[in-house]
Amino acid sequence: MINNPTPAPNVNHKLILRGIHISLTDAMRAVLNEKAERLLRHEPRIDRIRIDIDHDATRGREVFVAKGHIEIGGPDLVATVAADNAYKAADLLIEKLDRMLAKRTSLFKARRHREGRVAEIAV
């Protein structure tokens, strides 16, 4: 029996990148693709990831706001972070989305185990 590794998820079909008031460079797109792969490795059932990088110059200093939206079975995950650097904002956003996915997974596991235990007690 041959153990075939699971194929790497194709990030290009599931990732939408958008720059608002800023044009995303090829380097920034490459970094975001690489970081989004990490999210897909942790949760392969993700339907789509949308990342928006917004340059907000109205606050008196340069602020980059990164918004992330993960479409997945069940409630979607939405996160927003702000930083003084676009790359830093992207890093913080991916970390926050990763924590949200981990919390979601642990809650579903706890619910699954709790339902089984309640069924055992009821019998």
PDB file of N, CA and C in Angstrom:
ATOM      1  N   MET A   1       0.838  -1.164   0.000  1.00  0.00           N
ATOM      2  CA  MET A   1       0.000   0.000   0.000  1.00  0.00           C
ATOM      3  C   MET A   1       0.893   1.240   0.000  1.00  0.00           C
ATOM      4  N   ILE A   2       0.667   2.121  -0.957  1.00  0.00           N
ATOM      5  CA  ILE A   2       1.476   3.323  -1.094  1.00  0.00           C
ATOM      6  C   ILE A   2       0.791   4.462  -0.348  1.00  0.00           C
ATOM      7  N   ASN A   3       1.560   5.120   0.473  1.00  0.00           N
ATOM      8  CA  ASN A   3       1.043   6.249   1.227  1.00  0.00           C
ATOM      9  C   ASN A   3       1.298   7.521   0.428  1.00  0.00           C
ATOM     10  N   ASN A   4       0.276   8.020  -0.247  1.00  0.00           N
ATOM     11  CA  ASN A   4       0.409   9.245  -1.030  1.00  0.00           C
ATOM     12  C   ASN A   4       0.176  10.445  -0.127  1.00  0.00           C
ATOM     13  N   PRO A   5       1.086  11.399  -0.142  1.00  0.00           N
ATOM     14  CA  PRO A   5       0.859  12.603   0.654  1.00  0.00           C
ATOM     15  C   PRO A   5      -0.290  13.402   0.054  1.00  0.00           C
ATOM     16  N   THR A   6      -0.949  14.156   0.908  1.00  0.00           N
ATOM     17  CA  THR A   6      -2.044  14.978   0.404  1.00  0.00           C
ATOM     18  C   THR A   6      -1.469  16.063  -0.488  1.00  0.00           C
ATOM     19  N   PRO A   7      -2.135  16.357  -1.594  1.00  0.00           N
ATOM     20  CA  PRO A   7      -1.608  17.381  -2.491  1.00  0.00           C
ATOM     21  C   PRO A   7      -1.673  18.754  -1.838  1.00  0.00           C
ATOM     22  N   ALA A   8      -0.712  19.576  -2.192  1.00  0.00           N
ATOM     23  CA  ALA A   8      -0.679  20.932  -1.650  1.00  0.00           C
ATOM     24  C   ALA A   8      -1.869  21.710  -2.198  1.00  0.00           C
ATOM     25  N   PRO A   9      -2.542  22.475  -1.351  1.00  0.00           N
ATOM     26  CA  PRO A   9      -3.692  23.229  -1.833  1.00  0.00           C
ATOM     27  C   PRO A   9      -3.250  24.306  -2.816  1.00  0.00           C
ATOM     28  N   ASN A  10      -4.066  24.523  -3.836  1.00  0.00           N
ATOM     29  CA  ASN A  10      -3.759  25.545  -4.818  1.00  0.00           C
ATOM     30  C   ASN A  10      -4.287  26.876  -4.301  1.00  0.00           C
ATOM     31  N   VAL A  11      -3.390  27.707  -3.848  1.00  0.00           N
ATOM     32  CA  VAL A  11      -3.760  28.960  -3.216  1.00  0.00           C
ATOM     33  C   VAL A  11      -4.349  29.929  -4.230  1.00  0.00           C
ATOM     34  N   ASN A  12      -3.889  29.872  -5.472  1.00  0.00           N
ATOM     35  CA  ASN A  12      -4.318  30.847  -6.469  1.00  0.00           C
ATOM     36  C   ASN A  12      -5.820  30.797  -6.722  1.00  0.00           C
ATOM     37  N   HIS A  13      -6.434  29.633  -6.589  1.00  0.00           N
ATOM     38  CA  HIS A  13      -7.863  29.522  -6.831  1.00  0.00           C
ATOM     39  C   HIS A  13      -8.689  29.954  -5.630  1.00  0.00           C
ATOM     40  N   LYS A  14      -8.102  30.000  -4.473  1.00  0.00           N
ATOM     41  CA  LYS A  14      -8.854  30.295  -3.258  1.00  0.00           C
ATOM     42  C   LYS A  14      -8.517  31.651  -2.650  1.00  0.00           C
ATOM     43  N   LEU A  15      -7.582  32.372  -3.215  1.00  0.00           N
ATOM     44  CA  LEU A  15      -7.105  33.608  -2.607  1.00  0.00           C
ATOM     45  C   LEU A  15      -7.450  34.808  -3.475  1.00  0.00           C
ATOM     46  N   ILE A  16      -8.033  35.823  -2.853  1.00  0.00           N
ATOM     47  CA  ILE A  16      -8.325  37.088  -3.522  1.00  0.00           C
ATOM     48  C   ILE A  16      -7.545  38.169  -2.786  1.00  0.00           C
ATOM     49  N   LEU A  17      -6.654  38.846  -3.491  1.00  0.00           N
ATOM     50  CA  LEU A  17      -5.853  39.927  -2.912  1.00  0.00           C
ATOM     51  C   LEU A  17      -6.296  41.239  -3.531  1.00  0.00           C
ATOM     52  N   ARG A  18      -6.414  42.268  -2.695  1.00  0.00           N
ATOM     53  CA  ARG A  18      -6.861  43.553  -3.207  1.00  0.00           C
ATOM     54  C   ARG A  18      -6.156  44.669  -2.452  1.00  0.00           C
ATOM     55  N   GLY A  19      -5.677  45.646  -3.178  1.00  0.00           N
ATOM     56  CA  GLY A  19      -5.088  46.832  -2.583  1.00  0.00           C
ATOM     57  C   GLY A  19      -6.051  47.992  -2.714  1.00  0.00           C
ATOM     58  N   ILE A  20      -6.322  48.671  -1.616  1.00  0.00           N
ATOM     59  CA  ILE A  20      -7.221  49.820  -1.622  1.00  0.00           C
ATOM     60  C   ILE A  20      -6.371  51.052  -1.333  1.00  0.00           C
ATOM     61  N   HIS A  21      -6.351  51.997  -2.259  1.00  0.00           N
ATOM     62  CA  HIS A  21      -5.519  53.201  -2.195  1.00  0.00           C
ATOM     63  C   HIS A  21      -4.035  52.854  -2.196  1.00  0.00           C
ATOM     64  N   ILE A  22      -3.711  51.688  -2.689  1.00  0.00           N
ATOM     65  CA  ILE A  22      -2.327  51.238  -2.790  1.00  0.00           C
ATOM     66  C   ILE A  22      -2.284  50.157  -3.868  1.00  0.00           C
ATOM     67  N   SER A  23      -1.204  50.129  -4.614  1.00  0.00           N
ATOM     68  CA  SER A  23      -1.057  49.049  -5.595  1.00  0.00           C
ATOM     69  C   SER A  23      -0.146  47.986  -4.981  1.00  0.00           C
ATOM     70  N   LEU A  24      -0.611  46.755  -5.013  1.00  0.00           N
ATOM     71  CA  LEU A  24       0.160  45.658  -4.440  1.00  0.00           C
ATOM     72  C   LEU A  24       1.269  45.263  -5.410  1.00  0.00           C
ATOM     73  N   THR A  25       2.485  45.229  -4.914  1.00  0.00           N
ATOM     74  CA  THR A  25       3.620  44.833  -5.741  1.00  0.00           C
ATOM     75  C   THR A  25       3.653  43.315  -5.870  1.00  0.00           C
ATOM     76  N   ASP A  26       4.456  42.847  -6.805  1.00  0.00           N
ATOM     77  CA  ASP A  26       4.601  41.400  -6.973  1.00  0.00           C
ATOM     78  C   ASP A  26       5.187  40.760  -5.716  1.00  0.00           C
ATOM     79  N   ALA A  27       6.112  41.469  -5.059  1.00  0.00           N
ATOM     80  CA  ALA A  27       6.713  40.944  -3.830  1.00  0.00           C
ATOM     81  C   ALA A  27       5.658  40.804  -2.727  1.00  0.00           C
ATOM     82  N   MET A  28       4.783  41.806  -2.612  1.00  0.00           N
ATOM     83  CA  MET A  28       3.728  41.757  -1.596  1.00  0.00           C
ATOM     84  C   MET A  28       2.749  40.625  -1.903  1.00  0.00           C
ATOM     85  N   ARG A  29       2.413  40.440  -3.166  1.00  0.00           N
ATOM     86  CA  ARG A  29       1.521  39.342  -3.551  1.00  0.00           C
ATOM     87  C   ARG A  29       2.165  37.985  -3.238  1.00  0.00           C
ATOM     88  N   ALA A  30       3.471  37.871  -3.481  1.00  0.00           N
ATOM     89  CA  ALA A  30       4.170  36.612  -3.201  1.00  0.00           C
ATOM     90  C   ALA A  30       4.166  36.316  -1.699  1.00  0.00           C
ATOM     91  N   VAL A  31       4.404  37.344  -0.889  1.00  0.00           N
ATOM     92  CA  VAL A  31       4.399  37.161   0.568  1.00  0.00           C
ATOM     93  C   VAL A  31       3.011  36.741   1.046  1.00  0.00           C
ATOM     94  N   LEU A  32       1.970  37.399   0.530  1.00  0.00           N
ATOM     95  CA  LEU A  32       0.612  37.058   0.948  1.00  0.00           C
ATOM     96  C   LEU A  32       0.218  35.652   0.495  1.00  0.00           C
ATOM     97  N   ASN A  33       0.648  35.252  -0.705  1.00  0.00           N
ATOM     98  CA  ASN A  33       0.382  33.881  -1.166  1.00  0.00           C
ATOM     99  C   ASN A  33       1.037  32.862  -0.244  1.00  0.00           C
ATOM    100  N   GLU A  34       2.289  33.135   0.118  1.00  0.00           N
ATOM    101  CA  GLU A  34       3.032  32.217   0.992  1.00  0.00           C
ATOM    102  C   GLU A  34       2.361  32.090   2.358  1.00  0.00           C
ATOM    103  N   LYS A  35       1.913  33.214   2.899  1.00  0.00           N
ATOM    104  CA  LYS A  35       1.289  33.188   4.222  1.00  0.00           C
ATOM    105  C   LYS A  35      -0.101  32.553   4.179  1.00  0.00           C
ATOM    106  N   ALA A  36      -0.822  32.740   3.079  1.00  0.00           N
ATOM    107  CA  ALA A  36      -2.155  32.143   2.958  1.00  0.00           C
ATOM    108  C   ALA A  36      -2.064  30.624   2.836  1.00  0.00           C
ATOM    109  N   GLU A  37      -0.961  30.126   2.296  1.00  0.00           N
ATOM    110  CA  GLU A  37      -0.765  28.677   2.217  1.00  0.00           C
ATOM    111  C   GLU A  37      -0.786  28.054   3.606  1.00  0.00           C
ATOM    112  N   ARG A  38      -0.249  28.783   4.581  1.00  0.00           N
ATOM    113  CA  ARG A  38      -0.225  28.281   5.958  1.00  0.00           C
ATOM    114  C   ARG A  38      -1.651  28.084   6.480  1.00  0.00           C
ATOM    115  N   LEU A  39      -2.541  29.033   6.166  1.00  0.00           N
ATOM    116  CA  LEU A  39      -3.932  28.902   6.601  1.00  0.00           C
ATOM    117  C   LEU A  39      -4.598  27.700   5.945  1.00  0.00           C
ATOM    118  N   LEU A  40      -4.317  27.493   4.666  1.00  0.00           N
ATOM    119  CA  LEU A  40      -4.926  26.371   3.951  1.00  0.00           C
ATOM    120  C   LEU A  40      -4.363  25.034   4.416  1.00  0.00           C
ATOM    121  N   ARG A  41      -3.112  25.018   4.867  1.00  0.00           N
ATOM    122  CA  ARG A  41      -2.547  23.775   5.404  1.00  0.00           C
ATOM    123  C   ARG A  41      -3.238  23.397   6.706  1.00  0.00           C
ATOM    124  N   HIS A  42      -3.564  24.406   7.522  1.00  0.00           N
ATOM    125  CA  HIS A  42      -4.207  24.129   8.806  1.00  0.00           C
ATOM    126  C   HIS A  42      -5.666  23.740   8.634  1.00  0.00           C
ATOM    127  N   GLU A  43      -6.332  24.294   7.638  1.00  0.00           N
ATOM    128  CA  GLU A  43      -7.756  24.004   7.427  1.00  0.00           C
ATOM    129  C   GLU A  43      -8.023  23.885   5.929  1.00  0.00           C
ATOM    130  N   PRO A  44      -7.976  22.673   5.386  1.00  0.00           N
ATOM    131  CA  PRO A  44      -8.142  22.503   3.935  1.00  0.00           C
ATOM    132  C   PRO A  44      -9.568  22.737   3.447  1.00  0.00           C
ATOM    133  N   ARG A  45     -10.538  22.840   4.355  1.00  0.00           N
ATOM    134  CA  ARG A  45     -11.927  23.033   3.928  1.00  0.00           C
ATOM    135  C   ARG A  45     -12.285  24.493   3.685  1.00  0.00           C
ATOM    136  N   ILE A  46     -11.309  25.364   3.671  1.00  0.00           N
ATOM    137  CA  ILE A  46     -11.554  26.776   3.394  1.00  0.00           C
ATOM    138  C   ILE A  46     -11.978  26.920   1.937  1.00  0.00           C
ATOM    139  N   ASP A  47     -13.079  27.641   1.718  1.00  0.00           N
ATOM    140  CA  ASP A  47     -13.557  27.872   0.356  1.00  0.00           C
ATOM    141  C   ASP A  47     -12.819  29.027  -0.308  1.00  0.00           C
ATOM    142  N   ARG A  48     -12.645  30.122   0.418  1.00  0.00           N
ATOM    143  CA  ARG A  48     -12.023  31.299  -0.176  1.00  0.00           C
ATOM    144  C   ARG A  48     -11.447  32.181   0.927  1.00  0.00           C
ATOM    145  N   ILE A  49     -10.324  32.830   0.616  1.00  0.00           N
ATOM    146  CA  ILE A  49      -9.701  33.798   1.522  1.00  0.00           C
ATOM    147  C   ILE A  49      -9.595  35.119   0.775  1.00  0.00           C
ATOM    148  N   ARG A  50     -10.125  36.174   1.363  1.00  0.00           N
ATOM    149  CA  ARG A  50     -10.004  37.504   0.757  1.00  0.00           C
ATOM    150  C   ARG A  50      -9.195  38.390   1.701  1.00  0.00           C
ATOM    151  N   ILE A  51      -8.146  38.994   1.169  1.00  0.00           N
ATOM    152  CA  ILE A  51      -7.292  39.881   1.957  1.00  0.00           C
ATOM    153  C   ILE A  51      -7.268  41.242   1.276  1.00  0.00           C
ATOM    154  N   ASP A  52      -7.622  42.280   2.028  1.00  0.00           N
ATOM    155  CA  ASP A  52      -7.594  43.655   1.541  1.00  0.00           C
ATOM    156  C   ASP A  52      -6.551  44.420   2.335  1.00  0.00           C
ATOM    157  N   ILE A  53      -5.654  45.093   1.629  1.00  0.00           N
ATOM    158  CA  ILE A  53      -4.674  45.975   2.271  1.00  0.00           C
ATOM    159  C   ILE A  53      -5.073  47.399   1.909  1.00  0.00           C
ATOM    160  N   ASP A  54      -5.364  48.207   2.913  1.00  0.00           N
ATOM    161  CA  ASP A  54      -5.848  49.572   2.705  1.00  0.00           C
ATOM    162  C   ASP A  54      -4.820  50.555   3.247  1.00  0.00           C
ATOM    163  N   HIS A  55      -4.476  51.542   2.433  1.00  0.00           N
ATOM    164  CA  HIS A  55      -3.560  52.593   2.873  1.00  0.00           C
ATOM    165  C   HIS A  55      -4.409  53.782   3.283  1.00  0.00           C
ATOM    166  N   ASP A  56      -4.424  54.086   4.571  1.00  0.00           N
ATOM    167  CA  ASP A  56      -5.243  55.170   5.106  1.00  0.00           C
ATOM    168  C   ASP A  56      -4.328  56.326   5.477  1.00  0.00           C
ATOM    169  N   ALA A  57      -4.314  57.365   4.643  1.00  0.00           N
ATOM    170  CA  ALA A  57      -3.447  58.519   4.889  1.00  0.00           C
ATOM    171  C   ALA A  57      -4.198  59.650   5.578  1.00  0.00           C
ATOM    172  N   THR A  58      -5.450  59.450   5.943  1.00  0.00           N
ATOM    173  CA  THR A  58      -6.248  60.521   6.537  1.00  0.00           C
ATOM    174  C   THR A  58      -6.050  60.653   8.039  1.00  0.00           C
ATOM    175  N   ARG A  59      -5.352  59.753   8.650  1.00  0.00           N
ATOM    176  CA  ARG A  59      -5.196  59.778  10.110  1.00  0.00           C
ATOM    177  C   ARG A  59      -4.019  60.631  10.572  1.00  0.00           C
ATOM    178  N   GLY A  60      -3.339  61.322   9.679  1.00  0.00           N
ATOM    179  CA  GLY A  60      -2.223  62.159  10.070  1.00  0.00           C
ATOM    180  C   GLY A  60      -0.884  61.466   9.959  1.00  0.00           C
ATOM    181  N   ARG A  61      -0.867  60.174   9.952  1.00  0.00           N
ATOM    182  CA  ARG A  61       0.353  59.404   9.743  1.00  0.00           C
ATOM    183  C   ARG A  61      -0.016  58.213   8.874  1.00  0.00           C
ATOM    184  N   GLU A  62       0.974  57.576   8.313  1.00  0.00           N
ATOM    185  CA  GLU A  62       0.688  56.447   7.439  1.00  0.00           C
ATOM    186  C   GLU A  62       0.198  55.257   8.250  1.00  0.00           C
ATOM    187  N   VAL A  63      -0.951  54.770   7.889  1.00  0.00           N
ATOM    188  CA  VAL A  63      -1.526  53.604   8.548  1.00  0.00           C
ATOM    189  C   VAL A  63      -1.987  52.645   7.459  1.00  0.00           C
ATOM    190  N   PHE A  64      -1.608  51.391   7.615  1.00  0.00           N
ATOM    191  CA  PHE A  64      -2.046  50.344   6.704  1.00  0.00           C
ATOM    192  C   PHE A  64      -3.004  49.441   7.470  1.00  0.00           C
ATOM    193  N   VAL A  65      -4.187  49.267   6.923  1.00  0.00           N
ATOM    194  CA  VAL A  65      -5.206  48.431   7.538  1.00  0.00           C
ATOM    195  C   VAL A  65      -5.352  47.180   6.682  1.00  0.00           C
ATOM    196  N   ALA A  66      -5.207  46.028   7.304  1.00  0.00           N
ATOM    197  CA  ALA A  66      -5.364  44.751   6.609  1.00  0.00           C
ATOM    198  C   ALA A  66      -6.653  44.099   7.095  1.00  0.00           C
ATOM    199  N   LYS A  67      -7.497  43.732   6.136  1.00  0.00           N
ATOM    200  CA  LYS A  67      -8.766  43.085   6.457  1.00  0.00           C
ATOM    201  C   LYS A  67      -8.763  41.704   5.828  1.00  0.00           C
ATOM    202  N   GLY A  68      -9.177  40.722   6.581  1.00  0.00           N
ATOM    203  CA  GLY A  68      -9.225  39.354   6.084  1.00  0.00           C
ATOM    204  C   GLY A  68     -10.599  38.755   6.266  1.00  0.00           C
ATOM    205  N   HIS A  69     -11.010  37.966   5.284  1.00  0.00           N
ATOM    206  CA  HIS A  69     -12.318  37.321   5.310  1.00  0.00           C
ATOM    207  C   HIS A  69     -12.114  35.889   4.832  1.00  0.00           C
ATOM    208  N   ILE A  70     -12.410  34.925   5.687  1.00  0.00           N
ATOM    209  CA  ILE A  70     -12.288  33.511   5.331  1.00  0.00           C
ATOM    210  C   ILE A  70     -13.686  32.935   5.193  1.00  0.00           C
ATOM    211  N   GLU A  71     -13.988  32.450   3.993  1.00  0.00           N
ATOM    212  CA  GLU A  71     -15.263  31.780   3.754  1.00  0.00           C
ATOM    213  C   GLU A  71     -15.050  30.290   3.977  1.00  0.00           C
ATOM    214  N   ILE A  72     -15.813  29.753   4.903  1.00  0.00           N
ATOM    215  CA  ILE A  72     -15.672  28.359   5.305  1.00  0.00           C
ATOM    216  C   ILE A  72     -17.056  27.863   5.697  1.00  0.00           C
ATOM    217  N   GLY A  73     -17.250  26.563   5.710  1.00  0.00           N
ATOM    218  CA  GLY A  73     -18.533  26.026   6.135  1.00  0.00           C
ATOM    219  C   GLY A  73     -18.853  26.487   7.542  1.00  0.00           C
ATOM    220  N   GLY A  74     -20.016  27.062   7.730  1.00  0.00           N
ATOM    221  CA  GLY A  74     -20.366  27.645   9.016  1.00  0.00           C
ATOM    222  C   GLY A  74     -20.159  29.141   8.961  1.00  0.00           C
ATOM    223  N   PRO A  75     -20.065  29.778  10.103  1.00  0.00           N
ATOM    224  CA  PRO A  75     -19.876  31.228  10.100  1.00  0.00           C
ATOM    225  C   PRO A  75     -18.514  31.613   9.525  1.00  0.00           C
ATOM    226  N   ASP A  76     -18.506  32.662   8.705  1.00  0.00           N
ATOM    227  CA  ASP A  76     -17.256  33.150   8.136  1.00  0.00           C
ATOM    228  C   ASP A  76     -16.414  33.810   9.226  1.00  0.00           C
ATOM    229  N   LEU A  77     -15.106  33.835   8.998  1.00  0.00           N
ATOM    230  CA  LEU A  77     -14.186  34.475   9.932  1.00  0.00           C
ATOM    231  C   LEU A  77     -13.744  35.801   9.336  1.00  0.00           C
ATOM    232  N   VAL A  78     -13.836  36.873  10.116  1.00  0.00           N
ATOM    233  CA  VAL A  78     -13.478  38.206   9.654  1.00  0.00           C
ATOM    234  C   VAL A  78     -12.534  38.822  10.683  1.00  0.00           C
ATOM    235  N   ALA A  79     -11.438  39.410  10.184  1.00  0.00           N
ATOM    236  CA  ALA A  79     -10.466  40.039  11.086  1.00  0.00           C
ATOM    237  C   ALA A  79      -9.946  41.321  10.454  1.00  0.00           C
ATOM    238  N   THR A  80      -9.572  42.278  11.293  1.00  0.00           N
ATOM    239  CA  THR A  80      -9.011  43.546  10.848  1.00  0.00           C
ATOM    240  C   THR A  80      -7.877  43.928  11.788  1.00  0.00           C
ATOM    241  N   VAL A  81      -6.750  44.350  11.210  1.00  0.00           N
ATOM    242  CA  VAL A  81      -5.621  44.840  12.002  1.00  0.00           C
ATOM    243  C   VAL A  81      -5.059  46.087  11.325  1.00  0.00           C
ATOM    244  N   ALA A  82      -4.365  46.907  12.105  1.00  0.00           N
ATOM    245  CA  ALA A  82      -3.734  48.114  11.577  1.00  0.00           C
ATOM    246  C   ALA A  82      -2.282  48.146  12.026  1.00  0.00           C
ATOM    247  N   ALA A  83      -1.423  48.668  11.147  1.00  0.00           N
ATOM    248  CA  ALA A  83       0.001  48.784  11.464  1.00  0.00           C
ATOM    249  C   ALA A  83       0.588  49.917  10.632  1.00  0.00           C
ATOM    250  N   ASP A  84       1.828  50.289  10.953  1.00  0.00           N
ATOM    251  CA  ASP A  84       2.483  51.373  10.228  1.00  0.00           C
ATOM    252  C   ASP A  84       3.209  50.892   8.978  1.00  0.00           C
ATOM    253  N   ASN A  85       3.199  49.592   8.729  1.00  0.00           N
ATOM    254  CA  ASN A  85       3.873  49.002   7.577  1.00  0.00           C
ATOM    255  C   ASN A  85       2.928  47.971   6.961  1.00  0.00           C
ATOM    256  N   ALA A  86       2.858  47.918   5.633  1.00  0.00           N
ATOM    257  CA  ALA A  86       1.939  46.995   4.961  1.00  0.00           C
ATOM    258  C   ALA A  86       2.308  45.540   5.239  1.00  0.00           C
ATOM    259  N   TYR A  87       3.596  45.226   5.241  1.00  0.00           N
ATOM    260  CA  TYR A  87       4.028  43.848   5.497  1.00  0.00           C
ATOM    261  C   TYR A  87       3.715  43.438   6.933  1.00  0.00           C
ATOM    262  N   LYS A  88       3.906  44.365   7.861  1.00  0.00           N
ATOM    263  CA  LYS A  88       3.607  44.081   9.265  1.00  0.00           C
ATOM    264  C   LYS A  88       2.106  43.855   9.450  1.00  0.00           C
ATOM    265  N   ALA A  89       1.293  44.660   8.770  1.00  0.00           N
ATOM    266  CA  ALA A  89      -0.157  44.486   8.846  1.00  0.00           C
ATOM    267  C   ALA A  89      -0.564  43.120   8.298  1.00  0.00           C
ATOM    268  N   ALA A  90       0.065  42.695   7.204  1.00  0.00           N
ATOM    269  CA  ALA A  90      -0.240  41.383   6.622  1.00  0.00           C
ATOM    270  C   ALA A  90       0.153  40.266   7.584  1.00  0.00           C
ATOM    271  N   ASP A  91       1.325  40.383   8.216  1.00  0.00           N
ATOM    272  CA  ASP A  91       1.763  39.373   9.191  1.00  0.00           C
ATOM    273  C   ASP A  91       0.785  39.270  10.358  1.00  0.00           C
ATOM    274  N   LEU A  92       0.407  40.426  10.901  1.00  0.00           N
ATOM    275  CA  LEU A  92      -0.519  40.428  12.033  1.00  0.00           C
ATOM    276  C   LEU A  92      -1.875  39.844  11.643  1.00  0.00           C
ATOM    277  N   LEU A  93      -2.318  40.142  10.424  1.00  0.00           N
ATOM    278  CA  LEU A  93      -3.604  39.621   9.965  1.00  0.00           C
ATOM    279  C   LEU A  93      -3.577  38.101   9.847  1.00  0.00           C
ATOM    280  N   ILE A  94      -2.529  37.566   9.245  1.00  0.00           N
ATOM    281  CA  ILE A  94      -2.445  36.114   9.077  1.00  0.00           C
ATOM    282  C   ILE A  94      -2.369  35.427  10.440  1.00  0.00           C
ATOM    283  N   GLU A  95      -1.609  36.000  11.382  1.00  0.00           N
ATOM    284  CA  GLU A  95      -1.539  35.424  12.728  1.00  0.00           C
ATOM    285  C   GLU A  95      -2.911  35.421  13.399  1.00  0.00           C
ATOM    286  N   LYS A  96      -3.641  36.527  13.246  1.00  0.00           N
ATOM    287  CA  LYS A  96      -4.961  36.621  13.863  1.00  0.00           C
ATOM    288  C   LYS A  96      -5.933  35.621  13.239  1.00  0.00           C
ATOM    289  N   LEU A  97      -5.912  35.498  11.911  1.00  0.00           N
ATOM    290  CA  LEU A  97      -6.783  34.531  11.244  1.00  0.00           C
ATOM    291  C   LEU A  97      -6.415  33.100  11.635  1.00  0.00           C
ATOM    292  N   ASP A  98      -5.119  32.838  11.801  1.00  0.00           N
ATOM    293  CA  ASP A  98      -4.665  31.507  12.212  1.00  0.00           C
ATOM    294  C   ASP A  98      -5.179  31.176  13.616  1.00  0.00           C
ATOM    295  N   ARG A  99      -5.110  32.146  14.527  1.00  0.00           N
ATOM    296  CA  ARG A  99      -5.634  31.932  15.883  1.00  0.00           C
ATOM    297  C   ARG A  99      -7.144  31.689  15.853  1.00  0.00           C
ATOM    298  N   MET A 100      -7.845  32.436  14.991  1.00  0.00           N
ATOM    299  CA  MET A 100      -9.293  32.262  14.886  1.00  0.00           C
ATOM    300  C   MET A 100      -9.645  30.868  14.357  1.00  0.00           C
ATOM    301  N   LEU A 101      -8.872  30.381  13.378  1.00  0.00           N
ATOM    302  CA  LEU A 101      -9.099  29.028  12.855  1.00  0.00           C
ATOM    303  C   LEU A 101      -8.834  27.974  13.925  1.00  0.00           C
ATOM    304  N   ALA A 102      -7.762  28.166  14.700  1.00  0.00           N
ATOM    305  CA  ALA A 102      -7.440  27.207  15.762  1.00  0.00           C
ATOM    306  C   ALA A 102      -8.540  27.186  16.822  1.00  0.00           C
ATOM    307  N   LYS A 103      -9.035  28.356  17.189  1.00  0.00           N
ATOM    308  CA  LYS A 103     -10.103  28.432  18.185  1.00  0.00           C
ATOM    309  C   LYS A 103     -11.372  27.771  17.652  1.00  0.00           C
ATOM    310  N   ARG A 104     -11.684  28.014  16.388  1.00  0.00           N
ATOM    311  CA  ARG A 104     -12.861  27.408  15.763  1.00  0.00           C
ATOM    312  C   ARG A 104     -12.753  25.885  15.777  1.00  0.00           C
ATOM    313  N   THR A 105     -11.576  25.373  15.433  1.00  0.00           N
ATOM    314  CA  THR A 105     -11.363  23.929  15.411  1.00  0.00           C
ATOM    315  C   THR A 105     -11.519  23.332  16.802  1.00  0.00           C
ATOM    316  N   SER A 106     -10.930  23.980  17.808  1.00  0.00           N
ATOM    317  CA  SER A 106     -11.029  23.440  19.167  1.00  0.00           C
ATOM    318  C   SER A 106     -12.466  23.491  19.681  1.00  0.00           C
ATOM    319  N   LEU A 107     -13.219  24.532  19.316  1.00  0.00           N
ATOM    320  CA  LEU A 107     -14.617  24.602  19.739  1.00  0.00           C
ATOM    321  C   LEU A 107     -15.445  23.492  19.100  1.00  0.00           C
ATOM    322  N   PHE A 108     -15.199  23.224  17.816  1.00  0.00           N
ATOM    323  CA  PHE A 108     -15.936  22.151  17.154  1.00  0.00           C
ATOM    324  C   PHE A 108     -15.575  20.795  17.745  1.00  0.00           C
ATOM    325  N   LYS A 109     -14.302  20.597  18.086  1.00  0.00           N
ATOM    326  CA  LYS A 109     -13.902  19.330  18.703  1.00  0.00           C
ATOM    327  C   LYS A 109     -14.540  19.179  20.075  1.00  0.00           C
ATOM    328  N   ALA A 110     -14.552  20.254  20.855  1.00  0.00           N
ATOM    329  CA  ALA A 110     -15.155  20.197  22.186  1.00  0.00           C
ATOM    330  C   ALA A 110     -16.646  19.910  22.077  1.00  0.00           C
ATOM    331  N   ARG A 111     -17.305  20.520  21.121  1.00  0.00           N
ATOM    332  CA  ARG A 111     -18.731  20.290  20.938  1.00  0.00           C
ATOM    333  C   ARG A 111     -18.985  18.837  20.534  1.00  0.00           C
ATOM    334  N   ARG A 112     -18.139  18.321  19.657  1.00  0.00           N
ATOM    335  CA  ARG A 112     -18.307  16.943  19.197  1.00  0.00           C
ATOM    336  C   ARG A 112     -18.142  15.969  20.365  1.00  0.00           C
ATOM    337  N   HIS A 113     -17.148  16.186  21.213  1.00  0.00           N
ATOM    338  CA  HIS A 113     -16.913  15.289  22.343  1.00  0.00           C
ATOM    339  C   HIS A 113     -17.982  15.457  23.418  1.00  0.00           C
ATOM    340  N   ARG A 114     -18.438  16.668  23.612  1.00  0.00           N
ATOM    341  CA  ARG A 114     -19.452  16.928  24.623  1.00  0.00           C
ATOM    342  C   ARG A 114     -20.775  16.261  24.232  1.00  0.00           C
ATOM    343  N   GLU A 115     -21.150  16.316  22.939  1.00  0.00           N
ATOM    344  CA  GLU A 115     -22.398  15.693  22.503  1.00  0.00           C
ATOM    345  C   GLU A 115     -22.353  14.185  22.715  1.00  0.00           C
ATOM    346  N   GLY A 116     -21.209  13.561  22.457  1.00  0.00           N
ATOM    347  CA  GLY A 116     -21.083  12.124  22.669  1.00  0.00           C
ATOM    348  C   GLY A 116     -21.221  11.772  24.134  1.00  0.00           C
ATOM    349  N   ARG A 117     -20.645  12.591  24.991  1.00  0.00           N
ATOM    350  CA  ARG A 117     -20.718  12.332  26.426  1.00  0.00           C
ATOM    351  C   ARG A 117     -22.146  12.500  26.925  1.00  0.00           C
ATOM    352  N   VAL A 118     -22.860  13.486  26.455  1.00  0.00           N
ATOM    353  CA  VAL A 118     -24.251  13.687  26.867  1.00  0.00           C
ATOM    354  C   VAL A 118     -25.095  12.503  26.420  1.00  0.00           C
ATOM    355  N   ALA A 119     -24.825  11.990  25.221  1.00  0.00           N
ATOM    356  CA  ALA A 119     -25.574  10.835  24.724  1.00  0.00           C
ATOM    357  C   ALA A 119     -25.307   9.609  25.595  1.00  0.00           C
ATOM    358  N   GLU A 120     -24.058   9.444  26.066  1.00  0.00           N
ATOM    359  CA  GLU A 120     -23.728   8.308  26.924  1.00  0.00           C
ATOM    360  C   GLU A 120     -24.446   8.408  28.265  1.00  0.00           C
ATOM    361  N   ILE A 121     -24.494   9.602  28.813  1.00  0.00           N
ATOM    362  CA  ILE A 121     -25.133   9.799  30.115  1.00  0.00           C
ATOM    363  C   ILE A 121     -26.640   9.577  30.001  1.00  0.00           C
ATOM    364  N   ALA A 122     -27.234   9.999  28.899  1.00  0.00           N
ATOM    365  CA  ALA A 122     -28.681   9.874  28.716  1.00  0.00           C
ATOM    366  C   ALA A 122     -29.112   8.422  28.577  1.00  0.00           C
ATOM    367  N   VAL A 123     -28.232   7.564  28.090  1.00  0.00           N
ATOM    368  CA  VAL A 123     -28.592   6.150  27.871  1.00  0.00           C
ATOM    369  C   VAL A 123     -28.548   5.394  29.133  1.00  0.00           C
TER     370      VAL A 123
END
